Amino acid sequence: MKRATAFFILFSMLLSAAACGDVEEQSDVSGTADDNSTETTAAEVDETDRTSIPDNLPEYDFDGREFTILTINNSNDPIRGNDEQNGELVDDAIYERRRTVEDRFNVVLAEFIMGDHRETGAEIERSVMAGDDSYDLYAGHAIVSGGPAMNGIFLNWHNVENVDFTQPWWQQNSVEALTIDGVMPLVPSYMTMTVVSNTYCMFYNKEIAANYQLEDIFDVVNSGEWTFDKLQETTRDIYQDLNGDSAANEGDLFGFGFGAMSPAVTFTWAFDIPIVERNADGGVELVLESQRTTDIVDRLYDFIYQSPNVYTEPTGQSTRMSELFATGNFLLTPGCIGHAVSILRDFDIDYSIIPYPKYDSSQEDYYTMIDGGHLIIGVPLTAKNPAETGIITEVMTAESWKNVIPAYYDVALKLKGTRDEESIAMLDKILDSVKVDFTYIYDNWQGFAFFMQDLLQNKNRDLMSYVESNRSAKLTFYEQLYEAFDEMKNQ
């Protein structure tokens, strides 16, 4: 019913636009590289210099109108930014981004901020269903946003003019993984810094590595040989009873520290585990219960619960593990990139940032995910002018990639967080490996996206029984999810 209502709203808007076509004399908003007044030849572009890559957006004048983004109250992820500079590198870069965009397009960026992530999702759904055009863009909690998206309240990003997903400021793995039959209602964007700060990585204690005479971890990663086997080998002999109580506990030195919450979920994507797919007949099939996935669960279980060199907290989050890592008690621990700024910079610890390992050397590349609390963006069905939303989205994402992200990790992490240059280069590798999967964003806590956490947190290694006991309800959910995308494709 909700999707039918959304379709009716879209149909009404199209009729209205047609009726008003001879009244509105707004200039053409669409554009290509040929439309742009500044022609940039290939010879003029230095691809090693982010700022030299053109966004190819057309000249356009918003006539001073307010462009409103519905978002959540998150002081760690300001989109609009402050009204003036405050001397903080990242804050000032966000301020300059806004000024650049507002001056270039004669637009005023505004935010309507909700206090809770569920309230934000409910508000955008209420707004669209009511035919309200108050919001030009939505930026909400990623997993919460999947529910409203299934009700067909967002436009397909692939149909939004002025957005070019081939540009380097878009995460290609995520765009591909979030597109189903040409439909993508939600996409992560660098205009929200949680796309960077909430990305999972691993922290590596260089001092402990030197004490144990371990090989250069960057050589291992860059050679493509950073695998689960290598993780086990690297951490195998590292344990010391530092507190002298003859028991392996929090106060000791371990090779690996692990919390079986979101860090466990990340192994699903890092090890490239598929969950569901469509067959040739259009039906939905679970592909989670493979021998490969069974082996992965068994091996992870043994590693985190039966290895004397691993400290595991079944309900431990990445923040908790990063705090313990900061005290120098782990060689390695999973965490989010943002912990380098929010936690580790306050401690005297020499560390590096590396990606999650591959499962084995046959895996093509390193992969990671962004924590589900990051902000993801969508264009409301009732947006005043989707082509204008495309302009602001593209320029904000591009300017973030060109100037805000370098301020965040090329400067903020270099000077205030991590201590070595190679970690800075490694961050690009990690961000390029992000894979925000379709089955994760639209899970809404009803699918199998959190299966690894469910199993490991509850000290359960029986994947087959777990899948079988949940099969009926979750398969029904996935069928509904694909049906929702089919309806969006026909809007």
Protein backbone atom coordinates (compact mmCIF):
# COMPACT_ATOMS: atom_id res chain seq x y z
CA MET A 1 0.00 0.00 0.00
CA LYS A 2 2.80 2.40 0.88
CA ARG A 3 4.60 1.67 -2.39
CA ALA A 4 1.37 2.23 -4.30
CA THR A 5 0.95 5.56 -2.53
CA ALA A 6 4.53 6.51 -3.40
CA PHE A 7 3.88 5.67 -7.04
CA PHE A 8 0.74 7.83 -7.03
CA ILE A 9 2.73 10.73 -5.59
CA LEU A 10 5.34 10.40 -8.34
CA PHE A 11 2.65 10.20 -11.04
CA SER A 12 0.94 13.32 -9.65
CA MET A 13 4.24 15.19 -9.59
CA LEU A 14 4.90 14.34 -13.24
CA LEU A 15 1.46 15.61 -14.25
CA SER A 16 2.02 18.78 -12.24
CA ALA A 17 5.42 19.35 -13.84
CA ALA A 18 3.90 18.93 -17.31
CA ALA A 19 1.10 21.38 -16.53
CA CYS A 20 3.55 24.02 -15.31
CA GLY A 21 6.09 23.54 -18.08
CA ASP A 22 5.28 26.79 -19.87
CA VAL A 23 5.35 28.83 -16.65
CA GLU A 24 8.66 27.74 -15.14
CA GLU A 25 11.56 29.19 -17.13
CA GLN A 26 14.38 27.67 -15.07
CA SER A 27 17.49 27.00 -17.13
CA ASP A 28 18.48 23.43 -18.00
CA VAL A 29 20.02 21.74 -14.97
CA SER A 30 21.45 18.75 -16.76
CA GLY A 31 24.98 18.87 -18.03
CA THR A 32 27.97 16.98 -19.31
CA ALA A 33 31.64 17.72 -19.71
CA ASP A 34 30.81 19.43 -23.01
CA ASP A 35 28.34 21.77 -21.27
CA ASN A 36 30.86 22.92 -18.71
CA SER A 37 32.30 26.31 -19.54
CA THR A 38 35.75 25.23 -18.42
CA GLU A 39 37.21 22.73 -20.83
CA THR A 40 39.85 20.50 -19.29
CA THR A 41 41.92 18.31 -21.56
CA ALA A 42 43.40 15.02 -20.43
CA ALA A 43 46.85 16.57 -20.54
CA GLU A 44 45.80 19.21 -18.02
CA VAL A 45 44.58 16.70 -15.43
CA ASP A 46 47.07 15.42 -12.88
CA GLU A 47 45.38 12.30 -11.51
CA THR A 48 47.75 12.27 -8.53
CA ASP A 49 46.34 15.66 -7.52
CA ARG A 50 42.76 15.26 -6.36
CA THR A 51 41.93 18.91 -6.78
CA SER A 52 42.83 18.88 -10.49
CA ILE A 53 40.12 16.37 -11.41
CA PRO A 54 37.08 18.28 -12.74
CA ASP A 55 33.55 17.45 -11.61
CA ASN A 56 32.21 18.41 -15.06
CA LEU A 57 29.10 20.01 -13.58
CA PRO A 58 27.30 22.67 -15.63
CA GLU A 59 27.14 26.33 -14.73
CA TYR A 60 23.94 26.81 -12.78
CA ASP A 61 22.30 29.44 -10.58
CA PHE A 62 20.00 28.38 -7.73
CA ASP A 63 18.92 32.03 -7.39
CA GLY A 64 19.81 32.01 -3.72
CA ARG A 65 17.28 29.34 -2.80
CA GLU A 66 17.65 27.17 0.28
CA PHE A 67 18.65 23.56 -0.33
CA THR A 68 17.47 21.48 2.65
CA ILE A 69 19.00 18.23 3.84
CA LEU A 70 17.09 16.09 6.33
CA THR A 71 19.62 14.45 8.63
CA ILE A 72 20.33 13.22 12.14
CA ASN A 73 21.87 15.03 15.09
CA ASN A 74 25.47 13.85 14.85
CA SER A 75 28.15 16.25 16.01
CA ASN A 76 30.80 13.94 14.56
CA ASP A 77 29.34 14.21 11.07
CA PRO A 78 28.33 17.77 10.21
CA ILE A 79 27.25 18.16 6.59
CA ARG A 80 26.62 21.88 6.50
CA GLY A 81 29.35 22.67 9.04
CA ASN A 82 29.93 25.70 11.23
CA ASP A 83 28.99 29.29 10.42
CA GLU A 84 32.61 30.36 10.84
CA GLN A 85 36.07 28.83 11.04
CA ASN A 86 37.28 27.61 14.44
CA GLY A 87 40.87 26.56 13.75
CA GLU A 88 40.14 22.81 13.70
CA LEU A 89 41.47 21.36 10.45
CA VAL A 90 38.51 19.15 9.55
CA ASP A 91 35.89 21.63 10.74
CA ASP A 92 37.49 24.36 8.66
CA ALA A 93 37.66 22.11 5.60
CA ILE A 94 33.93 21.40 5.93
CA TYR A 95 33.29 25.13 6.33
CA GLU A 96 35.29 25.86 3.17
CA ARG A 97 33.43 23.12 1.31
CA ARG A 98 30.10 24.77 2.10
CA ARG A 99 31.36 28.23 1.14
CA THR A 100 32.74 26.89 -2.14
CA VAL A 101 29.46 25.20 -3.04
CA GLU A 102 27.25 28.10 -1.97
CA ASP A 103 29.34 30.69 -3.83
CA ARG A 104 29.67 28.62 -6.98
CA PHE A 105 25.96 27.86 -7.37
CA ASN A 106 24.36 30.78 -5.50
CA VAL A 107 22.63 28.40 -3.10
CA VAL A 108 22.12 28.29 0.67
CA LEU A 109 22.77 24.90 2.27
CA ALA A 110 20.48 24.13 5.20
CA GLU A 111 19.90 21.13 7.44
CA PHE A 112 16.75 19.96 9.17
CA ILE A 113 18.18 17.92 12.03
CA MET A 114 16.27 15.20 13.86
CA GLY A 115 17.33 13.96 17.28
CA ASP A 116 17.15 10.21 16.67
CA HIS A 117 18.03 7.94 13.76
CA ARG A 118 14.65 6.19 13.80
CA GLU A 119 12.85 9.54 13.94
CA THR A 120 14.78 10.64 10.85
CA GLY A 121 13.70 7.57 8.90
CA ALA A 122 10.09 8.02 10.01
CA GLU A 123 10.15 11.72 9.10
CA ILE A 124 11.30 11.21 5.52
CA GLU A 125 8.66 8.53 5.02
CA ARG A 126 5.93 10.77 6.49
CA SER A 127 7.08 13.69 4.36
CA VAL A 128 7.03 11.81 1.06
CA MET A 129 3.73 10.05 1.76
CA ALA A 130 2.19 13.46 2.51
CA GLY A 131 3.48 14.89 -0.78
CA ASP A 132 5.67 17.35 1.13
CA ASP A 133 8.62 18.79 -0.84
CA SER A 134 10.43 20.31 2.16
CA TYR A 135 13.52 18.12 1.76
CA ASP A 136 15.87 18.10 -1.21
CA LEU A 137 18.10 15.34 0.14
CA TYR A 138 18.01 12.74 2.90
CA ALA A 139 21.02 11.59 4.95
CA GLY A 140 20.13 9.02 7.59
CA HIS A 141 21.31 5.98 9.55
CA ALA A 142 22.23 3.42 6.89
CA ILE A 143 20.39 0.35 8.14
CA VAL A 144 17.38 2.26 9.44
CA SER A 145 17.07 3.86 5.99
CA GLY A 146 16.61 0.51 4.30
CA GLY A 147 13.06 0.17 5.60
CA PRO A 148 11.75 3.46 4.15
CA ALA A 149 13.63 2.77 0.93
CA MET A 150 11.76 -0.52 0.48
CA ASN A 151 8.53 1.48 0.50
CA GLY A 152 9.61 3.26 -2.67
CA ILE A 153 10.02 6.77 -1.28
CA PHE A 154 13.40 7.51 -2.92
CA LEU A 155 14.33 8.08 -6.54
CA ASN A 156 16.73 5.77 -8.32
CA TRP A 157 20.16 7.40 -8.10
CA HIS A 158 21.02 6.08 -11.56
CA ASN A 159 18.24 8.29 -12.96
CA VAL A 160 19.32 11.44 -11.13
CA GLU A 161 20.97 13.91 -13.50
CA ASN A 162 24.39 15.42 -12.78
CA VAL A 163 25.63 12.50 -10.68
CA ASP A 164 28.53 10.57 -12.24
CA PHE A 165 29.27 7.33 -10.41
CA THR A 166 32.36 6.70 -12.54
CA GLN A 167 34.17 9.54 -10.79
CA PRO A 168 36.80 8.64 -8.16
CA TRP A 169 34.86 10.26 -5.33
CA TRP A 170 32.29 7.45 -5.47
CA GLN A 171 33.05 4.03 -3.96
CA GLN A 172 32.75 1.74 -6.97
CA ASN A 173 32.39 -1.49 -4.97
CA SER A 174 29.47 -0.01 -3.06
CA VAL A 175 27.73 1.39 -6.14
CA GLU A 176 27.89 -2.03 -7.79
CA ALA A 177 26.81 -3.91 -4.65
CA LEU A 178 23.87 -1.58 -3.98
CA THR A 179 22.51 -1.66 -7.54
CA ILE A 180 19.88 -4.31 -8.21
CA ASP A 181 18.61 -4.53 -11.79
CA GLY A 182 19.66 -0.94 -12.38
CA VAL A 183 17.98 0.40 -9.22
CA MET A 184 19.85 2.12 -6.37
CA PRO A 185 17.74 4.25 -4.00
CA LEU A 186 20.50 4.71 -1.40
CA VAL A 187 24.24 5.29 -1.72
CA PRO A 188 27.08 6.26 0.65
CA SER A 189 28.68 9.64 -0.06
CA TYR A 190 31.83 11.34 1.19
CA MET A 191 29.73 14.42 1.94
CA THR A 192 29.11 12.62 5.26
CA MET A 193 32.35 11.95 7.12
CA THR A 194 30.99 8.83 8.83
CA VAL A 195 31.60 7.10 5.51
CA VAL A 196 35.28 7.52 6.39
CA SER A 197 35.31 7.48 10.19
CA ASN A 198 33.03 4.41 10.48
CA THR A 199 34.99 2.30 8.00
CA TYR A 200 36.49 -0.81 9.57
CA CYS A 201 40.22 -1.44 9.59
CA MET A 202 42.77 -3.09 11.87
CA PHE A 203 45.23 -1.36 14.18
CA TYR A 204 48.74 -2.82 14.42
CA ASN A 205 51.12 -2.12 17.32
CA LYS A 206 54.53 -1.47 15.75
CA GLU A 207 56.42 -1.62 19.04
CA ILE A 208 55.13 -5.11 19.84
CA ALA A 209 55.89 -6.16 16.27
CA ALA A 210 59.48 -4.94 16.64
CA ASN A 211 59.90 -6.74 19.96
CA TYR A 212 58.82 -10.01 18.32
CA GLN A 213 60.87 -9.30 15.18
CA LEU A 214 57.88 -9.63 12.86
CA GLU A 215 58.15 -8.95 9.15
CA ASP A 216 57.05 -5.61 7.73
CA ILE A 217 53.25 -5.68 7.77
CA PHE A 218 53.01 -3.23 4.88
CA ASP A 219 55.05 -5.53 2.66
CA VAL A 220 52.65 -8.34 3.53
CA VAL A 221 49.56 -6.24 2.75
CA ASN A 222 50.94 -4.76 -0.46
CA SER A 223 51.99 -8.18 -1.73
CA GLY A 224 48.39 -9.39 -1.40
CA GLU A 225 49.39 -12.03 1.14
CA TRP A 226 47.59 -10.52 4.14
CA THR A 227 45.19 -13.45 4.65
CA PHE A 228 43.44 -15.12 7.57
CA ASP A 229 46.23 -17.70 7.68
CA LYS A 230 48.76 -14.88 7.90
CA LEU A 231 46.77 -13.20 10.68
CA GLN A 232 46.88 -16.43 12.70
CA GLU A 233 50.57 -16.93 11.98
CA THR A 234 51.44 -13.34 12.93
CA THR A 235 49.62 -13.44 16.26
CA ARG A 236 50.30 -17.07 17.21
CA ASP A 237 53.21 -16.69 19.64
CA ILE A 238 52.23 -13.41 21.25
CA TYR A 239 51.06 -13.73 24.83
CA GLN A 240 52.49 -12.53 28.13
CA ASP A 241 50.97 -12.74 31.62
CA LEU A 242 51.68 -9.10 32.36
CA ASN A 243 49.66 -8.86 35.57
CA GLY A 244 51.17 -12.05 36.98
CA ASP A 245 47.92 -13.67 38.05
CA SER A 246 48.53 -16.87 36.05
CA ALA A 247 45.33 -16.33 34.08
CA ALA A 248 44.74 -14.99 30.58
CA ASN A 249 42.69 -11.86 31.10
CA GLU A 250 42.33 -8.19 30.26
CA GLY A 251 45.59 -7.06 31.82
CA ASP A 252 47.81 -9.33 29.72
CA LEU A 253 49.51 -8.99 26.34
CA PHE A 254 47.74 -10.74 23.45
CA GLY A 255 48.38 -11.12 19.76
CA PHE A 256 44.79 -10.25 18.90
CA GLY A 257 41.95 -8.47 20.70
CA PHE A 258 38.44 -9.10 19.43
CA GLY A 259 34.89 -8.00 20.20
CA ALA A 260 32.26 -10.28 18.67
CA MET A 261 29.83 -7.50 17.71
CA SER A 262 30.29 -5.32 14.60
CA PRO A 263 33.94 -6.42 14.16
CA ALA A 264 32.53 -9.92 13.63
CA VAL A 265 30.04 -8.68 11.03
CA THR A 266 32.90 -7.12 9.09
CA PHE A 267 34.46 -10.54 8.49
CA THR A 268 31.41 -11.40 6.37
CA TRP A 269 32.30 -8.72 3.85
CA ALA A 270 36.09 -8.91 4.33
CA PHE A 271 35.95 -12.62 3.44
CA ASP A 272 33.57 -11.94 0.52
CA ILE A 273 30.73 -14.15 1.77
CA PRO A 274 27.58 -13.92 -0.38
CA ILE A 275 24.25 -14.24 1.40
CA VAL A 276 21.48 -14.29 -1.20
CA GLU A 277 21.12 -14.13 -4.96
CA ARG A 278 18.49 -14.30 -7.67
CA ASN A 279 18.33 -17.33 -9.93
CA ALA A 280 17.59 -17.36 -13.66
CA ASP A 281 13.86 -17.64 -13.00
CA GLY A 282 13.81 -14.56 -10.79
CA GLY A 283 13.50 -16.57 -7.59
CA VAL A 284 15.50 -15.85 -4.47
CA GLU A 285 18.09 -18.35 -3.25
CA LEU A 286 20.11 -18.39 -0.06
CA VAL A 287 23.76 -19.01 -0.85
CA LEU A 288 25.04 -18.47 2.68
CA GLU A 289 25.10 -22.14 3.62
CA SER A 290 28.12 -23.14 1.55
CA GLN A 291 31.03 -25.30 2.62
CA ARG A 292 33.31 -22.28 2.33
CA THR A 293 31.18 -20.26 4.75
CA THR A 294 30.93 -23.21 7.13
CA ASP A 295 34.72 -23.50 7.13
CA ILE A 296 35.09 -19.76 7.76
CA VAL A 297 32.77 -19.86 10.78
CA ASP A 298 34.59 -22.89 12.20
CA ARG A 299 38.00 -21.33 11.76
CA LEU A 300 36.98 -17.95 13.17
CA TYR A 301 35.39 -19.66 16.17
CA ASP A 302 38.54 -21.65 16.87
CA PHE A 303 40.71 -18.58 16.44
CA ILE A 304 38.83 -16.26 18.77
CA TYR A 305 37.74 -18.76 21.42
CA GLN A 306 40.38 -21.48 21.45
CA SER A 307 43.61 -19.59 20.81
CA PRO A 308 45.61 -18.65 23.93
CA ASN A 309 46.97 -15.60 22.12
CA VAL A 310 43.51 -14.07 21.48
CA TYR A 311 41.51 -11.98 23.95
CA THR A 312 37.80 -12.04 23.10
CA GLU A 313 34.80 -10.29 24.59
CA PRO A 314 31.58 -11.78 23.14
CA THR A 315 29.70 -8.49 23.59
CA GLY A 316 32.69 -6.26 22.87
CA GLN A 317 32.28 -3.42 20.39
CA SER A 318 35.11 -1.99 18.30
CA THR A 319 35.32 1.11 20.52
CA ARG A 320 36.01 -1.05 23.56
CA MET A 321 38.72 -3.01 21.73
CA SER A 322 40.38 0.17 20.44
CA GLU A 323 40.50 1.51 23.99
CA LEU A 324 42.26 -1.68 25.14
CA PHE A 325 44.58 -1.53 22.14
CA ALA A 326 45.52 2.01 23.14
CA THR A 327 46.96 0.68 26.43
CA GLY A 328 49.42 -1.48 24.48
CA ASN A 329 47.91 -4.89 25.26
CA PHE A 330 47.24 -6.14 21.70
CA LEU A 331 49.40 -6.53 18.63
CA LEU A 332 46.29 -6.33 16.46
CA THR A 333 42.65 -5.41 16.88
CA PRO A 334 39.78 -4.45 14.55
CA GLY A 335 38.48 -0.91 14.83
CA CYS A 336 37.09 2.01 12.87
CA ILE A 337 39.31 4.58 11.16
CA GLY A 338 37.74 7.28 13.32
CA HIS A 339 39.19 5.68 16.45
CA ALA A 340 42.59 6.96 15.34
CA VAL A 341 41.29 10.46 16.04
CA SER A 342 38.78 9.90 18.83
CA ILE A 343 40.81 7.41 20.92
CA LEU A 344 44.36 6.61 19.84
CA ARG A 345 45.73 10.12 19.39
CA ASP A 346 45.51 10.63 23.17
CA PHE A 347 47.87 7.71 23.86
CA ASP A 348 51.60 7.33 23.37
CA ILE A 349 51.45 4.30 21.10
CA ASP A 350 53.26 3.65 17.83
CA TYR A 351 50.83 1.92 15.50
CA SER A 352 49.82 1.41 11.89
CA ILE A 353 46.48 1.11 10.13
CA ILE A 354 45.92 -1.86 7.82
CA PRO A 355 42.91 -3.53 6.15
CA TYR A 356 41.06 -6.61 7.33
CA PRO A 357 42.75 -9.66 5.81
CA LYS A 358 41.47 -11.64 2.85
CA TYR A 359 40.19 -15.11 3.65
CA ASP A 360 42.84 -16.72 1.44
CA SER A 361 45.16 -15.81 -1.41
CA SER A 362 42.57 -16.82 -4.02
CA GLN A 363 40.39 -13.89 -2.96
CA GLU A 364 40.79 -11.12 -5.50
CA ASP A 365 41.08 -8.13 -3.19
CA TYR A 366 40.79 -6.78 0.33
CA TYR A 367 37.30 -5.75 1.40
CA THR A 368 35.79 -3.99 4.35
CA MET A 369 32.49 -2.40 5.36
CA ILE A 370 31.25 0.78 6.95
CA ASP A 371 29.50 0.44 10.29
CA GLY A 372 25.72 0.50 9.88
CA GLY A 373 25.52 3.75 11.83
CA HIS A 374 27.06 5.75 8.98
CA LEU A 375 24.88 8.19 7.07
CA ILE A 376 23.60 7.14 3.67
CA ILE A 377 21.85 9.45 1.21
CA GLY A 378 18.69 9.31 -0.90
CA VAL A 379 16.65 11.68 -3.07
CA PRO A 380 13.05 11.94 -1.79
CA LEU A 381 10.39 11.22 -4.38
CA THR A 382 9.01 14.67 -3.62
CA ALA A 383 12.28 16.59 -4.03
CA LYS A 384 11.59 19.96 -5.70
CA ASN A 385 14.10 19.47 -8.49
CA PRO A 386 16.03 16.16 -8.60
CA ALA A 387 18.52 17.53 -11.12
CA GLU A 388 19.42 20.29 -8.65
CA THR A 389 19.79 17.65 -5.94
CA GLY A 390 22.15 15.88 -8.32
CA ILE A 391 24.31 19.00 -8.65
CA ILE A 392 24.62 19.52 -4.89
CA THR A 393 25.23 15.84 -4.23
CA GLU A 394 27.95 15.58 -6.86
CA VAL A 395 29.77 18.77 -5.90
CA MET A 396 29.59 18.08 -2.16
CA THR A 397 30.88 14.54 -2.64
CA ALA A 398 33.65 15.72 -4.98
CA GLU A 399 34.74 18.59 -2.72
CA SER A 400 34.81 16.23 0.25
CA TRP A 401 37.03 13.79 -1.60
CA LYS A 402 39.28 16.58 -2.83
CA ASN A 403 39.64 18.63 0.35
CA VAL A 404 37.83 17.31 3.44
CA ILE A 405 39.16 13.76 3.39
CA PRO A 406 42.77 14.94 3.01
CA ALA A 407 42.17 17.20 6.00
CA TYR A 408 40.78 14.23 7.89
CA TYR A 409 43.49 11.66 7.31
CA ASP A 410 46.34 13.23 5.39
CA VAL A 411 46.54 15.89 8.09
CA ALA A 412 44.39 15.05 11.12
CA LEU A 413 45.51 11.43 11.33
CA LYS A 414 49.08 12.24 10.39
CA LEU A 415 49.55 14.94 13.00
CA LYS A 416 47.02 14.02 15.66
CA GLY A 417 46.62 10.29 15.29
CA THR A 418 48.80 7.72 13.56
CA ARG A 419 52.56 8.16 13.59
CA ASP A 420 53.72 6.72 10.24
CA GLU A 421 53.43 7.84 6.63
CA GLU A 422 52.65 4.37 5.29
CA SER A 423 49.38 4.25 7.23
CA ILE A 424 48.28 7.37 5.38
CA ALA A 425 48.79 5.61 2.04
CA MET A 426 47.10 2.50 3.44
CA LEU A 427 43.94 4.49 4.21
CA ASP A 428 43.28 5.01 0.51
CA LYS A 429 43.60 1.26 0.01
CA ILE A 430 41.10 0.64 2.81
CA LEU A 431 38.56 3.21 1.57
CA ASP A 432 38.86 1.88 -1.97
CA SER A 433 38.04 -1.61 -0.64
CA VAL A 434 34.78 -0.57 1.06
CA LYS A 435 31.86 -2.74 0.01
CA VAL A 436 28.51 -1.54 1.36
CA ASP A 437 26.43 -4.54 0.36
CA PHE A 438 22.78 -4.65 -0.68
CA THR A 439 22.00 -7.34 1.90
CA TYR A 440 23.55 -5.21 4.65
CA ILE A 441 21.96 -1.82 3.99
CA TYR A 442 18.49 -3.26 3.43
CA ASP A 443 18.71 -5.87 6.18
CA ASN A 444 16.72 -3.79 8.69
CA TRP A 445 17.61 -6.51 11.23
CA GLN A 446 15.37 -8.96 9.36
CA GLY A 447 17.85 -10.78 7.14
CA PHE A 448 21.11 -12.70 7.54
CA ALA A 449 23.51 -9.73 7.41
CA PHE A 450 24.38 -10.12 11.09
CA PHE A 451 24.72 -13.91 11.06
CA MET A 452 28.42 -13.87 11.95
CA GLN A 453 27.78 -11.69 14.98
CA ASP A 454 24.81 -13.82 16.03
CA LEU A 455 26.89 -16.99 15.89
CA LEU A 456 30.15 -15.81 17.43
CA GLN A 457 28.55 -13.64 20.08
CA ASN A 458 26.57 -16.65 21.29
CA LYS A 459 29.55 -19.02 20.96
CA ASN A 460 27.74 -21.00 18.31
CA ARG A 461 29.61 -22.53 15.38
CA ASP A 462 26.69 -24.46 13.84
CA LEU A 463 25.98 -22.39 10.75
CA MET A 464 23.68 -24.95 9.11
CA SER A 465 21.35 -25.24 12.10
CA TYR A 466 21.30 -21.46 12.48
CA VAL A 467 20.35 -20.96 8.83
CA GLU A 468 17.73 -23.69 8.90
CA SER A 469 16.03 -22.32 12.01
CA ASN A 470 15.77 -18.86 10.42
CA ARG A 471 15.28 -19.85 6.80
CA SER A 472 11.54 -19.37 6.37
CA ALA A 473 11.20 -15.89 7.87
CA LYS A 474 14.37 -14.51 6.35
CA LEU A 475 13.77 -15.97 2.91
CA THR A 476 10.32 -14.34 2.95
CA PHE A 477 11.99 -11.05 3.84
CA TYR A 478 14.43 -11.31 0.92
CA GLU A 479 11.59 -12.12 -1.47
CA GLN A 480 9.80 -8.98 -0.29
CA LEU A 481 13.01 -6.98 -0.69
CA TYR A 482 13.50 -8.04 -4.31
CA GLU A 483 9.81 -7.41 -5.01
CA ALA A 484 10.24 -3.88 -3.65
CA PHE A 485 13.13 -3.30 -6.05
CA ASP A 486 11.06 -4.68 -8.92
CA GLU A 487 8.37 -2.11 -8.13
CA MET A 488 10.93 0.69 -7.89
CA LYS A 489 12.32 -0.34 -11.28
CA ASN A 490 8.88 0.20 -12.79
CA GLN A 491 8.25 3.62 -11.19
